[in-house]
ModelCIF file with pLDDT and N, C-alpha, C, O atoms, coordinates in Angstrom:
data_MODEL
#
_entry.id   MODEL 
#
_entity.id                         1 
_entity.type                       polymer 
_entity.pdbx_number_of_molecules   1 
#
_entity_poly.entity_id                      1 
_entity_poly.type                           'polypeptide(L)' 
_entity_poly.nstd_linkage                   no 
_entity_poly.nstd_monomer                   no 
_entity_poly.pdbx_seq_one_letter_code       YNVSRDTGLSSFANVVNGGKKDFNGVQLRRINFTYDYDISESFTTRF 
_entity_poly.pdbx_seq_one_letter_code_can   YNVSRDTGLSSFANVVNGGKKDFNGVQLRRINFTYDYDISESFTTRF 
_entity_poly.pdbx_strand_id                 A 
#
loop_
_entity_poly_seq.entity_id 
_entity_poly_seq.num 
_entity_poly_seq.mon_id 
_entity_poly_seq.hetero 
1 1  TYR n 
1 2  ASN n 
1 3  VAL n 
1 4  SER n 
1 5  ARG n 
1 6  ASP n 
1 7  THR n 
1 8  GLY n 
1 9  LEU n 
1 10 SER n 
1 11 SER n 
1 12 PHE n 
1 13 ALA n 
1 14 ASN n 
1 15 VAL n 
1 16 VAL n 
1 17 ASN n 
1 18 GLY n 
1 19 GLY n 
1 20 LYS n 
1 21 LYS n 
1 22 ASP n 
1 23 PHE n 
1 24 ASN n 
1 25 GLY n 
1 26 VAL n 
1 27 GLN n 
1 28 LEU n 
1 29 ARG n 
1 30 ARG n 
1 31 ILE n 
1 32 ASN n 
1 33 PHE n 
1 34 THR n 
1 35 TYR n 
1 36 ASP n 
1 37 TYR n 
1 38 ASP n 
1 39 ILE n 
1 40 SER n 
1 41 GLU n 
1 42 SER n 
1 43 PHE n 
1 44 THR n 
1 45 THR n 
1 46 ARG n 
1 47 PHE n 
#
_struct_asym.id          A 
_struct_asym.entity_id   1 
#
loop_
_ma_qa_metric.id 
_ma_qa_metric.mode 
_ma_qa_metric.name 
_ma_qa_metric.software_group_id 
_ma_qa_metric.type 
1 global pLDDT . pLDDT 
2 local  pLDDT . pLDDT 
#
_ma_qa_metric_global.metric_id      1 
_ma_qa_metric_global.metric_value   84.62 
_ma_qa_metric_global.model_id       1 
_ma_qa_metric_global.ordinal_id     1 
#
loop_
_ma_qa_metric_local.label_asym_id 
_ma_qa_metric_local.label_comp_id 
_ma_qa_metric_local.label_seq_id 
_ma_qa_metric_local.metric_id 
_ma_qa_metric_local.metric_value 
_ma_qa_metric_local.model_id 
_ma_qa_metric_local.ordinal_id 
A TYR 1  2 95.00 1 1  
A ASN 2  2 92.00 1 2  
A VAL 3  2 92.00 1 3  
A SER 4  2 90.00 1 4  
A ARG 5  2 87.00 1 5  
A ASP 6  2 83.00 1 6  
A THR 7  2 75.00 1 7  
A GLY 8  2 69.00 1 8  
A LEU 9  2 63.00 1 9  
A SER 10 2 51.00 1 10 
A SER 11 2 49.00 1 11 
A PHE 12 2 53.00 1 12 
A ALA 13 2 50.00 1 13 
A ASN 14 2 52.00 1 14 
A VAL 15 2 59.00 1 15 
A VAL 16 2 60.00 1 16 
A ASN 17 2 66.00 1 17 
A GLY 18 2 74.00 1 18 
A GLY 19 2 80.00 1 19 
A LYS 20 2 84.00 1 20 
A LYS 21 2 86.00 1 21 
A ASP 22 2 89.00 1 22 
A PHE 23 2 89.00 1 23 
A ASN 24 2 93.00 1 24 
A GLY 25 2 93.00 1 25 
A VAL 26 2 93.00 1 26 
A GLN 27 2 90.00 1 27 
A LEU 28 2 91.00 1 28 
A ARG 29 2 91.00 1 29 
A ARG 30 2 93.00 1 30 
A ILE 31 2 94.00 1 31 
A ASN 32 2 95.00 1 32 
A PHE 33 2 95.00 1 33 
A THR 34 2 96.00 1 34 
A TYR 35 2 96.00 1 35 
A ASP 36 2 97.00 1 36 
A TYR 37 2 97.00 1 37 
A ASP 38 2 97.00 1 38 
A ILE 39 2 98.00 1 39 
A SER 40 2 97.00 1 40 
A GLU 41 2 96.00 1 41 
A SER 42 2 97.00 1 42 
A PHE 43 2 98.00 1 43 
A THR 44 2 98.00 1 44 
A THR 45 2 98.00 1 45 
A ARG 46 2 98.00 1 46 
A PHE 47 2 98.00 1 47 
#
loop_
_atom_site.group_PDB 
_atom_site.id 
_atom_site.type_symbol 
_atom_site.label_atom_id 
_atom_site.label_alt_id 
_atom_site.label_comp_id 
_atom_site.label_asym_id 
_atom_site.label_entity_id 
_atom_site.label_seq_id 
_atom_site.pdbx_PDB_ins_code 
_atom_site.Cartn_x 
_atom_site.Cartn_y 
_atom_site.Cartn_z 
_atom_site.occupancy 
_atom_site.B_iso_or_equiv 
_atom_site.pdbx_formal_charge 
_atom_site.auth_seq_id 
_atom_site.auth_comp_id 
_atom_site.auth_asym_id 
_atom_site.auth_atom_id 
_atom_site.pdbx_PDB_model_num 
ATOM 1   N N  . TYR A 1 1  ? 85.999  104.836 107.653 1.00 95.00 ? 1  TYR A N  1 
ATOM 2   C CA . TYR A 1 1  ? 85.070  105.976 107.574 1.00 95.00 ? 1  TYR A CA 1 
ATOM 3   C C  . TYR A 1 1  ? 85.587  106.948 106.523 1.00 95.00 ? 1  TYR A C  1 
ATOM 4   O O  . TYR A 1 1  ? 86.691  107.477 106.648 1.00 95.00 ? 1  TYR A O  1 
ATOM 5   N N  . ASN A 1 2  ? 84.785  107.183 105.485 1.00 92.00 ? 2  ASN A N  1 
ATOM 6   C CA . ASN A 1 2  ? 85.172  108.130 104.435 1.00 92.00 ? 2  ASN A CA 1 
ATOM 7   C C  . ASN A 1 2  ? 84.824  109.550 104.889 1.00 92.00 ? 2  ASN A C  1 
ATOM 8   O O  . ASN A 1 2  ? 83.691  110.002 104.724 1.00 92.00 ? 2  ASN A O  1 
ATOM 9   N N  . VAL A 1 3  ? 85.787  110.233 105.449 1.00 92.00 ? 3  VAL A N  1 
ATOM 10  C CA . VAL A 1 3  ? 85.511  111.554 106.013 1.00 92.00 ? 3  VAL A CA 1 
ATOM 11  C C  . VAL A 1 3  ? 85.518  112.646 104.954 1.00 92.00 ? 3  VAL A C  1 
ATOM 12  O O  . VAL A 1 3  ? 84.980  113.729 105.187 1.00 92.00 ? 3  VAL A O  1 
ATOM 13  N N  . SER A 1 4  ? 86.125  112.384 103.781 1.00 90.00 ? 4  SER A N  1 
ATOM 14  C CA . SER A 1 4  ? 86.185  113.415 102.749 1.00 90.00 ? 4  SER A CA 1 
ATOM 15  C C  . SER A 1 4  ? 86.080  112.784 101.372 1.00 90.00 ? 4  SER A C  1 
ATOM 16  O O  . SER A 1 4  ? 86.732  111.782 101.079 1.00 90.00 ? 4  SER A O  1 
ATOM 17  N N  . ARG A 1 5  ? 85.241  113.395 100.523 1.00 87.00 ? 5  ARG A N  1 
ATOM 18  C CA . ARG A 1 5  ? 85.109  113.055 99.113  1.00 87.00 ? 5  ARG A CA 1 
ATOM 19  C C  . ARG A 1 5  ? 84.734  114.334 98.370  1.00 87.00 ? 5  ARG A C  1 
ATOM 20  O O  . ARG A 1 5  ? 84.264  115.294 98.982  1.00 87.00 ? 5  ARG A O  1 
ATOM 21  N N  . ASP A 1 6  ? 84.938  114.349 97.068  1.00 83.00 ? 6  ASP A N  1 
ATOM 22  C CA . ASP A 1 6  ? 84.490  115.471 96.260  1.00 83.00 ? 6  ASP A CA 1 
ATOM 23  C C  . ASP A 1 6  ? 83.038  115.217 95.890  1.00 83.00 ? 6  ASP A C  1 
ATOM 24  O O  . ASP A 1 6  ? 82.754  114.462 94.961  1.00 83.00 ? 6  ASP A O  1 
ATOM 25  N N  . THR A 1 7  ? 82.120  115.843 96.613  1.00 75.00 ? 7  THR A N  1 
ATOM 26  C CA . THR A 1 7  ? 80.696  115.569 96.421  1.00 75.00 ? 7  THR A CA 1 
ATOM 27  C C  . THR A 1 7  ? 80.174  116.107 95.101  1.00 75.00 ? 7  THR A C  1 
ATOM 28  O O  . THR A 1 7  ? 79.100  115.702 94.657  1.00 75.00 ? 7  THR A O  1 
ATOM 29  N N  . GLY A 1 8  ? 80.915  117.019 94.457  1.00 69.00 ? 8  GLY A N  1 
ATOM 30  C CA . GLY A 1 8  ? 80.464  117.560 93.178  1.00 69.00 ? 8  GLY A CA 1 
ATOM 31  C C  . GLY A 1 8  ? 80.782  116.664 92.010  1.00 69.00 ? 8  GLY A C  1 
ATOM 32  O O  . GLY A 1 8  ? 80.331  116.927 90.896  1.00 69.00 ? 8  GLY A O  1 
ATOM 33  N N  . LEU A 1 9  ? 81.557  115.593 92.233  1.00 63.00 ? 9  LEU A N  1 
ATOM 34  C CA . LEU A 1 9  ? 81.920  114.665 91.162  1.00 63.00 ? 9  LEU A CA 1 
ATOM 35  C C  . LEU A 1 9  ? 81.523  113.254 91.581  1.00 63.00 ? 9  LEU A C  1 
ATOM 36  O O  . LEU A 1 9  ? 82.370  112.420 91.901  1.00 63.00 ? 9  LEU A O  1 
ATOM 37  N N  . SER A 1 10 ? 80.236  113.014 91.572  1.00 51.00 ? 10 SER A N  1 
ATOM 38  C CA . SER A 1 10 ? 79.741  111.729 92.058  1.00 51.00 ? 10 SER A CA 1 
ATOM 39  C C  . SER A 1 10 ? 80.193  110.569 91.181  1.00 51.00 ? 10 SER A C  1 
ATOM 40  O O  . SER A 1 10 ? 80.253  109.426 91.636  1.00 51.00 ? 10 SER A O  1 
ATOM 41  N N  . SER A 1 11 ? 80.517  110.868 89.904  1.00 49.00 ? 11 SER A N  1 
ATOM 42  C CA . SER A 1 11 ? 80.925  109.791 89.002  1.00 49.00 ? 11 SER A CA 1 
ATOM 43  C C  . SER A 1 11 ? 82.434  109.618 88.929  1.00 49.00 ? 11 SER A C  1 
ATOM 44  O O  . SER A 1 11 ? 82.925  108.796 88.155  1.00 49.00 ? 11 SER A O  1 
ATOM 45  N N  . PHE A 1 12 ? 83.186  110.394 89.736  1.00 53.00 ? 12 PHE A N  1 
ATOM 46  C CA . PHE A 1 12 ? 84.641  110.309 89.675  1.00 53.00 ? 12 PHE A CA 1 
ATOM 47  C C  . PHE A 1 12 ? 85.084  108.915 90.096  1.00 53.00 ? 12 PHE A C  1 
ATOM 48  O O  . PHE A 1 12 ? 84.786  108.470 91.205  1.00 53.00 ? 12 PHE A O  1 
ATOM 49  N N  . ALA A 1 13 ? 85.802  108.222 89.201  1.00 50.00 ? 13 ALA A N  1 
ATOM 50  C CA . ALA A 1 13 ? 86.102  106.798 89.404  1.00 50.00 ? 13 ALA A CA 1 
ATOM 51  C C  . ALA A 1 13 ? 87.433  106.590 90.111  1.00 50.00 ? 13 ALA A C  1 
ATOM 52  O O  . ALA A 1 13 ? 88.315  107.449 90.090  1.00 50.00 ? 13 ALA A O  1 
ATOM 53  N N  . ASN A 1 14 ? 87.549  105.425 90.735  1.00 52.00 ? 14 ASN A N  1 
ATOM 54  C CA . ASN A 1 14 ? 88.832  104.946 91.259  1.00 52.00 ? 14 ASN A CA 1 
ATOM 55  C C  . ASN A 1 14 ? 89.353  105.774 92.425  1.00 52.00 ? 14 ASN A C  1 
ATOM 56  O O  . ASN A 1 14 ? 90.565  105.904 92.595  1.00 52.00 ? 14 ASN A O  1 
ATOM 57  N N  . VAL A 1 15 ? 88.462  106.334 93.227  1.00 59.00 ? 15 VAL A N  1 
ATOM 58  C CA . VAL A 1 15 ? 88.913  107.034 94.420  1.00 59.00 ? 15 VAL A CA 1 
ATOM 59  C C  . VAL A 1 15 ? 89.358  106.017 95.454  1.00 59.00 ? 15 VAL A C  1 
ATOM 60  O O  . VAL A 1 15 ? 88.966  104.851 95.416  1.00 59.00 ? 15 VAL A O  1 
ATOM 61  N N  . VAL A 1 16 ? 90.180  106.481 96.373  1.00 60.00 ? 16 VAL A N  1 
ATOM 62  C CA . VAL A 1 16 ? 90.710  105.608 97.401  1.00 60.00 ? 16 VAL A CA 1 
ATOM 63  C C  . VAL A 1 16 ? 89.572  104.963 98.190  1.00 60.00 ? 16 VAL A C  1 
ATOM 64  O O  . VAL A 1 16 ? 88.645  105.640 98.634  1.00 60.00 ? 16 VAL A O  1 
ATOM 65  N N  . ASN A 1 17 ? 89.658  103.667 98.354  1.00 66.00 ? 17 ASN A N  1 
ATOM 66  C CA . ASN A 1 17 ? 88.746  102.892 99.191  1.00 66.00 ? 17 ASN A CA 1 
ATOM 67  C C  . ASN A 1 17 ? 87.314  102.834 98.673  1.00 66.00 ? 17 ASN A C  1 
ATOM 68  O O  . ASN A 1 17 ? 86.504  102.083 99.218  1.00 66.00 ? 17 ASN A O  1 
ATOM 69  N N  . GLY A 1 18 ? 86.975  103.599 97.639  1.00 74.00 ? 18 GLY A N  1 
ATOM 70  C CA . GLY A 1 18 ? 85.623  103.578 97.103  1.00 74.00 ? 18 GLY A CA 1 
ATOM 71  C C  . GLY A 1 18 ? 84.610  104.194 98.055  1.00 74.00 ? 18 GLY A C  1 
ATOM 72  O O  . GLY A 1 18 ? 84.928  104.484 99.208  1.00 74.00 ? 18 GLY A O  1 
ATOM 73  N N  . GLY A 1 19 ? 83.397  104.390 97.572  1.00 80.00 ? 19 GLY A N  1 
ATOM 74  C CA . GLY A 1 19 ? 82.332  104.879 98.421  1.00 80.00 ? 19 GLY A CA 1 
ATOM 75  C C  . GLY A 1 19 ? 82.262  106.380 98.536  1.00 80.00 ? 19 GLY A C  1 
ATOM 76  O O  . GLY A 1 19 ? 83.246  107.077 98.289  1.00 80.00 ? 19 GLY A O  1 
ATOM 77  N N  . LYS A 1 20 ? 81.093  106.883 98.914  1.00 84.00 ? 20 LYS A N  1 
ATOM 78  C CA . LYS A 1 20 ? 80.848  108.308 99.029  1.00 84.00 ? 20 LYS A CA 1 
ATOM 79  C C  . LYS A 1 20 ? 81.279  108.832 100.395 1.00 84.00 ? 20 LYS A C  1 
ATOM 80  O O  . LYS A 1 20 ? 81.675  108.069 101.276 1.00 84.00 ? 20 LYS A O  1 
ATOM 81  N N  . LYS A 1 21 ? 81.194  110.143 100.546 1.00 86.00 ? 21 LYS A N  1 
ATOM 82  C CA . LYS A 1 21 ? 81.505  110.774 101.824 1.00 86.00 ? 21 LYS A CA 1 
ATOM 83  C C  . LYS A 1 21 ? 80.553  110.261 102.899 1.00 86.00 ? 21 LYS A C  1 
ATOM 84  O O  . LYS A 1 21 ? 79.363  110.068 102.652 1.00 86.00 ? 21 LYS A O  1 
ATOM 85  N N  . ASP A 1 22 ? 81.086  110.047 104.079 1.00 89.00 ? 22 ASP A N  1 
ATOM 86  C CA . ASP A 1 22 ? 80.372  109.554 105.264 1.00 89.00 ? 22 ASP A CA 1 
ATOM 87  C C  . ASP A 1 22 ? 80.024  108.069 105.178 1.00 89.00 ? 22 ASP A C  1 
ATOM 88  O O  . ASP A 1 22 ? 79.470  107.514 106.127 1.00 89.00 ? 22 ASP A O  1 
ATOM 89  N N  . PHE A 1 23 ? 80.336  107.422 104.067 1.00 89.00 ? 23 PHE A N  1 
ATOM 90  C CA . PHE A 1 23 ? 80.165  105.968 104.006 1.00 89.00 ? 23 PHE A CA 1 
ATOM 91  C C  . PHE A 1 23 ? 81.137  105.331 104.985 1.00 89.00 ? 23 PHE A C  1 
ATOM 92  O O  . PHE A 1 23 ? 82.313  105.694 105.016 1.00 89.00 ? 23 PHE A O  1 
ATOM 93  N N  . ASN A 1 24 ? 80.655  104.378 105.790 1.00 93.00 ? 24 ASN A N  1 
ATOM 94  C CA . ASN A 1 24 ? 81.510  103.747 106.782 1.00 93.00 ? 24 ASN A CA 1 
ATOM 95  C C  . ASN A 1 24 ? 80.987  102.358 107.091 1.00 93.00 ? 24 ASN A C  1 
ATOM 96  O O  . ASN A 1 24 ? 79.843  102.026 106.783 1.00 93.00 ? 24 ASN A O  1 
ATOM 97  N N  . GLY A 1 25 ? 81.840  101.551 107.703 1.00 93.00 ? 25 GLY A N  1 
ATOM 98  C CA . GLY A 1 25 ? 81.415  100.210 108.065 1.00 93.00 ? 25 GLY A CA 1 
ATOM 99  C C  . GLY A 1 25 ? 82.584  99.288  108.326 1.00 93.00 ? 25 GLY A C  1 
ATOM 100 O O  . GLY A 1 25 ? 83.740  99.710  108.340 1.00 93.00 ? 25 GLY A O  1 
ATOM 101 N N  . VAL A 1 26 ? 82.267  98.029  108.532 1.00 93.00 ? 26 VAL A N  1 
ATOM 102 C CA . VAL A 1 26 ? 83.261  96.980  108.728 1.00 93.00 ? 26 VAL A CA 1 
ATOM 103 C C  . VAL A 1 26 ? 83.375  96.197  107.430 1.00 93.00 ? 26 VAL A C  1 
ATOM 104 O O  . VAL A 1 26 ? 82.363  95.806  106.848 1.00 93.00 ? 26 VAL A O  1 
ATOM 105 N N  . GLN A 1 27 ? 84.595  95.967  106.975 1.00 90.00 ? 27 GLN A N  1 
ATOM 106 C CA . GLN A 1 27 ? 84.800  95.215  105.741 1.00 90.00 ? 27 GLN A CA 1 
ATOM 107 C C  . GLN A 1 27 ? 85.863  94.145  105.934 1.00 90.00 ? 27 GLN A C  1 
ATOM 108 O O  . GLN A 1 27 ? 86.838  94.343  106.661 1.00 90.00 ? 27 GLN A O  1 
ATOM 109 N N  . LEU A 1 28 ? 85.662  93.008  105.273 1.00 91.00 ? 28 LEU A N  1 
ATOM 110 C CA . LEU A 1 28 ? 86.667  91.955  105.201 1.00 91.00 ? 28 LEU A CA 1 
ATOM 111 C C  . LEU A 1 28 ? 87.260  92.015  103.807 1.00 91.00 ? 28 LEU A C  1 
ATOM 112 O O  . LEU A 1 28 ? 86.614  91.610  102.841 1.00 91.00 ? 28 LEU A O  1 
ATOM 113 N N  . ARG A 1 29 ? 88.480  92.515  103.689 1.00 91.00 ? 29 ARG A N  1 
ATOM 114 C CA . ARG A 1 29 ? 89.087  92.667  102.372 1.00 91.00 ? 29 ARG A CA 1 
ATOM 115 C C  . ARG A 1 29 ? 89.704  91.372  101.858 1.00 91.00 ? 29 ARG A C  1 
ATOM 116 O O  . ARG A 1 29 ? 89.866  91.200  100.650 1.00 91.00 ? 29 ARG A O  1 
ATOM 117 N N  . ARG A 1 30 ? 90.044  90.473  102.751 1.00 93.00 ? 30 ARG A N  1 
ATOM 118 C CA . ARG A 1 30 ? 90.642  89.214  102.279 1.00 93.00 ? 30 ARG A CA 1 
ATOM 119 C C  . ARG A 1 30 ? 90.616  88.152  103.371 1.00 93.00 ? 30 ARG A C  1 
ATOM 120 O O  . ARG A 1 30 ? 90.911  88.419  104.536 1.00 93.00 ? 30 ARG A O  1 
ATOM 121 N N  . ILE A 1 31 ? 90.250  86.927  102.956 1.00 94.00 ? 31 ILE A N  1 
ATOM 122 C CA . ILE A 1 31 ? 90.383  85.741  103.802 1.00 94.00 ? 31 ILE A CA 1 
ATOM 123 C C  . ILE A 1 31 ? 90.981  84.656  102.921 1.00 94.00 ? 31 ILE A C  1 
ATOM 124 O O  . ILE A 1 31 ? 90.382  84.277  101.914 1.00 94.00 ? 31 ILE A O  1 
ATOM 125 N N  . ASN A 1 32 ? 92.138  84.158  103.281 1.00 95.00 ? 32 ASN A N  1 
ATOM 126 C CA . ASN A 1 32 ? 92.807  83.101  102.524 1.00 95.00 ? 32 ASN A CA 1 
ATOM 127 C C  . ASN A 1 32 ? 92.856  81.813  103.329 1.00 95.00 ? 32 ASN A C  1 
ATOM 128 O O  . ASN A 1 32 ? 93.135  81.822  104.528 1.00 95.00 ? 32 ASN A O  1 
ATOM 129 N N  . PHE A 1 33 ? 92.580  80.713  102.655 1.00 95.00 ? 33 PHE A N  1 
ATOM 130 C CA . PHE A 1 33 ? 92.792  79.396  103.253 1.00 95.00 ? 33 PHE A CA 1 
ATOM 131 C C  . PHE A 1 33 ? 93.657  78.590  102.297 1.00 95.00 ? 33 PHE A C  1 
ATOM 132 O O  . PHE A 1 33 ? 93.273  78.357  101.150 1.00 95.00 ? 33 PHE A O  1 
ATOM 133 N N  . THR A 1 34 ? 94.825  78.165  102.768 1.00 96.00 ? 34 THR A N  1 
ATOM 134 C CA . THR A 1 34 ? 95.828  77.553  101.901 1.00 96.00 ? 34 THR A CA 1 
ATOM 135 C C  . THR A 1 34 ? 96.165  76.142  102.382 1.00 96.00 ? 34 THR A C  1 
ATOM 136 O O  . THR A 1 34 ? 96.349  75.901  103.575 1.00 96.00 ? 34 THR A O  1 
ATOM 137 N N  . TYR A 1 35 ? 96.241  75.222  101.424 1.00 96.00 ? 35 TYR A N  1 
ATOM 138 C CA . TYR A 1 35 ? 96.665  73.856  101.720 1.00 96.00 ? 35 TYR A CA 1 
ATOM 139 C C  . TYR A 1 35 ? 97.848  73.510  100.836 1.00 96.00 ? 35 TYR A C  1 
ATOM 140 O O  . TYR A 1 35 ? 97.725  73.479  99.611  1.00 96.00 ? 35 TYR A O  1 
ATOM 141 N N  . ASP A 1 36 ? 98.996  73.247  101.453 1.00 97.00 ? 36 ASP A N  1 
ATOM 142 C CA . ASP A 1 36 ? 100.198 72.819  100.742 1.00 97.00 ? 36 ASP A CA 1 
ATOM 143 C C  . ASP A 1 36 ? 100.431 71.330  101.003 1.00 97.00 ? 36 ASP A C  1 
ATOM 144 O O  . ASP A 1 36 ? 100.295 70.849  102.128 1.00 97.00 ? 36 ASP A O  1 
ATOM 145 N N  . TYR A 1 37 ? 100.786 70.616  99.931  1.00 97.00 ? 37 TYR A N  1 
ATOM 146 C CA . TYR A 1 37 ? 101.032 69.178  100.084 1.00 97.00 ? 37 TYR A CA 1 
ATOM 147 C C  . TYR A 1 37 ? 102.255 68.793  99.258  1.00 97.00 ? 37 TYR A C  1 
ATOM 148 O O  . TYR A 1 37 ? 102.330 69.084  98.065  1.00 97.00 ? 37 TYR A O  1 
ATOM 149 N N  . ASP A 1 38 ? 103.215 68.132  99.913  1.00 97.00 ? 38 ASP A N  1 
ATOM 150 C CA . ASP A 1 38 ? 104.404 67.621  99.235  1.00 97.00 ? 38 ASP A CA 1 
ATOM 151 C C  . ASP A 1 38 ? 104.139 66.196  98.779  1.00 97.00 ? 38 ASP A C  1 
ATOM 152 O O  . ASP A 1 38 ? 104.030 65.281  99.596  1.00 97.00 ? 38 ASP A O  1 
ATOM 153 N N  . ILE A 1 39 ? 104.036 66.018  97.474  1.00 98.00 ? 39 ILE A N  1 
ATOM 154 C CA . ILE A 1 39 ? 103.831 64.681  96.925  1.00 98.00 ? 39 ILE A CA 1 
ATOM 155 C C  . ILE A 1 39 ? 105.082 63.834  97.126  1.00 98.00 ? 39 ILE A C  1 
ATOM 156 O O  . ILE A 1 39 ? 105.007 62.662  97.497  1.00 98.00 ? 39 ILE A O  1 
ATOM 157 N N  . SER A 1 40 ? 106.239 64.456  96.870  1.00 97.00 ? 40 SER A N  1 
ATOM 158 C CA . SER A 1 40 ? 107.521 63.787  97.039  1.00 97.00 ? 40 SER A CA 1 
ATOM 159 C C  . SER A 1 40 ? 108.578 64.869  97.177  1.00 97.00 ? 40 SER A C  1 
ATOM 160 O O  . SER A 1 40 ? 108.245 66.047  97.299  1.00 97.00 ? 40 SER A O  1 
ATOM 161 N N  . GLU A 1 41 ? 109.838 64.487  97.159  1.00 96.00 ? 41 GLU A N  1 
ATOM 162 C CA . GLU A 1 41 ? 110.901 65.474  97.211  1.00 96.00 ? 41 GLU A CA 1 
ATOM 163 C C  . GLU A 1 41 ? 110.927 66.347  95.957  1.00 96.00 ? 41 GLU A C  1 
ATOM 164 O O  . GLU A 1 41 ? 111.413 67.477  95.995  1.00 96.00 ? 41 GLU A O  1 
ATOM 165 N N  . SER A 1 42 ? 110.417 65.837  94.873  1.00 97.00 ? 42 SER A N  1 
ATOM 166 C CA . SER A 1 42 ? 110.455 66.562  93.602  1.00 97.00 ? 42 SER A CA 1 
ATOM 167 C C  . SER A 1 42 ? 109.179 67.334  93.294  1.00 97.00 ? 42 SER A C  1 
ATOM 168 O O  . SER A 1 42 ? 109.215 68.315  92.552  1.00 97.00 ? 42 SER A O  1 
ATOM 169 N N  . PHE A 1 43 ? 108.044 66.899  93.859  1.00 98.00 ? 43 PHE A N  1 
ATOM 170 C CA . PHE A 1 43 ? 106.768 67.512  93.493  1.00 98.00 ? 43 PHE A CA 1 
ATOM 171 C C  . PHE A 1 43 ? 106.051 68.045  94.728  1.00 98.00 ? 43 PHE A C  1 
ATOM 172 O O  . PHE A 1 43 ? 105.927 67.359  95.743  1.00 98.00 ? 43 PHE A O  1 
ATOM 173 N N  . THR A 1 44 ? 105.586 69.280  94.616  1.00 98.00 ? 44 THR A N  1 
ATOM 174 C CA . THR A 1 44 ? 104.799 69.888  95.678  1.00 98.00 ? 44 THR A CA 1 
ATOM 175 C C  . THR A 1 44 ? 103.607 70.599  95.054  1.00 98.00 ? 44 THR A C  1 
ATOM 176 O O  . THR A 1 44 ? 103.646 70.971  93.881  1.00 98.00 ? 44 THR A O  1 
ATOM 177 N N  . THR A 1 45 ? 102.560 70.786  95.826  1.00 98.00 ? 45 THR A N  1 
ATOM 178 C CA . THR A 1 45 ? 101.341 71.411  95.309  1.00 98.00 ? 45 THR A CA 1 
ATOM 179 C C  . THR A 1 45 ? 100.844 72.467  96.280  1.00 98.00 ? 45 THR A C  1 
ATOM 180 O O  . THR A 1 45 ? 101.169 72.445  97.467  1.00 98.00 ? 45 THR A O  1 
ATOM 181 N N  . ARG A 1 46 ? 100.057 73.383  95.759  1.00 98.00 ? 46 ARG A N  1 
ATOM 182 C CA . ARG A 1 46 ? 99.360  74.367  96.591  1.00 98.00 ? 46 ARG A CA 1 
ATOM 183 C C  . ARG A 1 46 ? 97.947  74.536  96.079  1.00 98.00 ? 46 ARG A C  1 
ATOM 184 O O  . ARG A 1 46 ? 97.715  74.633  94.874  1.00 98.00 ? 46 ARG A O  1 
ATOM 185 N N  . PHE A 1 47 ? 96.993  74.571  97.017  1.00 98.00 ? 47 PHE A N  1 
ATOM 186 C CA . PHE A 1 47 ? 95.596  74.889  96.714  1.00 98.00 ? 47 PHE A CA 1 
ATOM 187 C C  . PHE A 1 47 ? 95.154  75.973  97.684  1.00 98.00 ? 47 PHE A C  1 
ATOM 188 O O  . PHE A 1 47 ? 94.007  76.417  97.634  1.00 98.00 ? 47 PHE A O  1 
#
């Protein structure tokens, strides 16, 4: 919940968390799915 913003500078960039005052909601900032596979003792991979 963005409880405070400078409403007089609507174009002010790069504020914390983005969004205007009173903007609120549920957000998923990251979901990672990782697969590691060892080809041999010398070679390993990650996707």
